[in-house]
Every structure is written in structure tokens, then in C-alpha cells.
Amino acid sequence: MSDCWPKIWGKNVEVYANDLNSVNVLRIKKGGTCSCHSHKTKHNIFHVIEGTLVIDCPEMGQSEIKAGQSFTVFAGTIHFFQALEDTIAIEIMFVKYDGNDIDRKNIGSIQNVDEEK
């Protein structure tokens, strides 16, 4: 996979993706800020490997995330980040599992099996 997107704030390297998930390594320059945005169905987990990242969600306030810490931004939440120093972070993007998304065609069952005595 390993698609790489240069960004004004640094670069984004996608290391894994499928229909529901994407894992990216973000290398964010000191002072680098992403756009203020939200996602309709996608959630984000930011996990800082090195450096310090401030995640600002106008509805929730600011959170300063340091190495070893994580922060989750839920779908529909307006957010942006800024690096207080050169920062490396993992971004995990995912669509929340919905147990009601199943379309059952029949009901499971169990067969009667004679047990040995």
C-alpha cells in the first residue's frame, strides 16, 4: 500500500487500508496545522509516537496529546490539529461497527446430535 501524500503541514503515508479502515503515519512539522473539518461517517484515532499534537474540537475544546497518548475524534465532530514540535503520529480512521447492519435471510439453529453415554 504505502501511498504518500505531501501536505502543507508535512506528509501522510498510508500503511494499510481496506473498505472500512485506514492506518496512516503522519509526520507533522512544528507549527503545522491541518484544515478544520469533520467526517460524515469516519472516526479518527490519533496516537502520538513522538512530539506533541494539539487537537482542537470547537465543541469539546483542546487536548494536548504527547508521545504514548491517544485521542479519538468521532464522526461529525469538527476538528483540526497543530503540532507544537516536529511530531510523528499514527492516525487510524474507521467506520463504527453497527450491529444493526445485518440483513438476515434465516435464523441460526442447532442440530440434534446423539451424544455418547
Protein backbone atom coordinates (compact mmCIF):
# COMPACT_ATOMS: atom_id res chain seq x y z
CA MET A 1 0.00 0.00 0.00
CA SER A 2 2.19 2.86 1.32
CA ASP A 3 0.61 5.73 -0.59
CA CYS A 4 2.25 9.02 0.37
CA TRP A 5 0.59 12.43 0.24
CA PRO A 6 2.70 15.54 0.76
CA LYS A 7 0.78 18.03 2.86
CA ILE A 8 1.43 21.67 3.65
CA TRP A 9 1.94 20.58 7.29
CA GLY A 10 4.23 17.62 6.50
CA LYS A 11 3.34 14.26 4.96
CA ASN A 12 0.84 11.44 5.29
CA VAL A 13 1.88 7.85 4.50
CA GLU A 14 -0.95 5.31 4.30
CA VAL A 15 0.38 1.95 5.52
CA TYR A 16 -2.88 -0.04 5.47
CA ALA A 17 -6.38 0.36 4.10
CA ASN A 18 -9.50 -1.67 3.40
CA ASP A 19 -13.14 -0.74 2.83
CA LEU A 20 -13.66 0.29 6.48
CA ASN A 21 -10.24 1.27 7.85
CA SER A 22 -7.12 3.24 7.03
CA VAL A 23 -3.91 3.48 9.04
CA ASN A 24 -1.60 6.41 8.33
CA VAL A 25 1.72 7.68 9.64
CA LEU A 26 1.64 11.47 9.94
CA ARG A 27 4.89 13.42 10.02
CA ILE A 28 3.84 16.91 11.07
CA LYS A 29 6.22 19.87 11.05
CA LYS A 30 6.39 22.13 14.12
CA GLY A 31 3.55 24.65 13.76
CA GLY A 32 1.86 22.52 11.06
CA THR A 33 -1.93 22.65 11.12
CA CYS A 34 -4.45 20.63 9.12
CA SER A 35 -7.70 22.09 7.82
CA CYS A 36 -10.66 22.50 10.16
CA HIS A 37 -13.03 19.71 9.05
CA SER A 38 -15.36 16.88 10.02
CA HIS A 39 -16.26 13.49 8.58
CA LYS A 40 -19.79 12.18 7.96
CA THR A 41 -19.19 8.54 8.96
CA LYS A 42 -15.49 8.21 9.70
CA HIS A 43 -13.94 8.24 13.18
CA ASN A 44 -10.26 9.07 13.80
CA ILE A 45 -7.88 7.90 16.49
CA PHE A 46 -4.66 9.90 16.72
CA HIS A 47 -1.81 8.20 18.59
CA VAL A 48 1.35 10.25 19.08
CA ILE A 49 4.64 8.38 18.71
CA GLU A 50 6.95 11.36 19.09
CA GLY A 51 6.34 15.07 19.73
CA THR A 52 3.20 16.90 20.84
CA LEU A 53 -0.05 17.36 18.96
CA VAL A 54 -2.89 19.68 19.97
CA ILE A 55 -6.27 18.52 18.72
CA ASP A 56 -8.92 21.22 18.74
CA CYS A 57 -12.60 20.31 18.60
CA PRO A 58 -14.66 23.52 18.95
CA GLU A 59 -17.49 21.53 20.60
CA MET A 60 -15.14 19.77 23.06
CA GLY A 61 -12.18 22.11 23.48
CA GLN A 62 -8.47 21.44 23.03
CA SER A 63 -6.48 18.36 24.03
CA GLU A 64 -2.70 18.21 24.13
CA ILE A 65 -1.53 14.73 23.13
CA LYS A 66 2.04 13.67 23.91
CA ALA A 67 4.08 10.58 23.00
CA GLY A 68 2.24 7.42 24.06
CA GLN A 69 -1.16 9.13 24.28
CA SER A 70 -4.21 8.78 22.01
CA PHE A 71 -7.27 10.86 21.23
CA THR A 72 -10.47 9.84 19.39
CA VAL A 73 -12.47 12.19 17.18
CA PHE A 74 -15.94 10.83 16.45
CA ALA A 75 -17.79 11.18 13.15
CA GLY A 76 -19.49 14.55 12.75
CA THR A 77 -17.10 16.33 15.13
CA ILE A 78 -15.41 19.43 13.71
CA HIS A 79 -11.68 19.23 14.42
CA PHE A 80 -8.16 20.20 13.41
CA PHE A 81 -4.70 19.56 14.77
CA GLN A 82 -1.49 21.54 15.26
CA ALA A 83 1.98 20.22 16.09
CA LEU A 84 3.74 22.07 18.92
CA GLU A 85 7.02 20.47 17.78
CA ASP A 86 8.03 18.10 14.98
CA THR A 87 5.60 15.23 15.57
CA ILE A 88 5.07 11.67 14.37
CA ALA A 89 1.58 10.28 14.91
CA ILE A 90 -0.44 7.28 13.80
CA GLU A 91 -3.92 8.09 12.51
CA ILE A 92 -6.41 5.24 12.47
CA MET A 93 -9.56 6.04 10.53
CA PHE A 94 -12.52 3.70 10.84
CA VAL A 95 -16.23 3.41 10.31
CA LYS A 96 -18.03 2.45 13.52
CA TYR A 97 -19.44 -1.08 13.55
CA ASP A 98 -23.24 -1.12 13.59
CA GLY A 99 -24.73 -4.35 14.92
CA ASN A 100 -27.99 -3.49 13.14
CA ASP A 101 -26.35 -3.58 9.72
CA ILE A 102 -27.03 -7.32 9.35
CA ASP A 103 -29.56 -8.47 6.76
CA ARG A 104 -30.60 -11.93 7.98
CA LYS A 105 -32.00 -14.39 5.45
CA ASN A 106 -32.78 -17.02 8.10
CA ILE A 107 -32.27 -17.77 11.79
CA GLY A 108 -29.42 -19.95 13.03
CA SER A 109 -30.20 -23.33 14.58
CA ILE A 110 -28.60 -26.33 16.23
CA GLN A 111 -28.96 -29.87 15.01
CA ASN A 112 -29.90 -32.61 17.46
CA VAL A 113 -26.91 -34.89 17.73
CA ASP A 114 -26.98 -38.14 19.67
CA GLU A 115 -24.47 -37.95 22.48
CA GLU A 116 -22.44 -40.99 23.52
CA LYS A 117 -23.12 -42.12 27.03
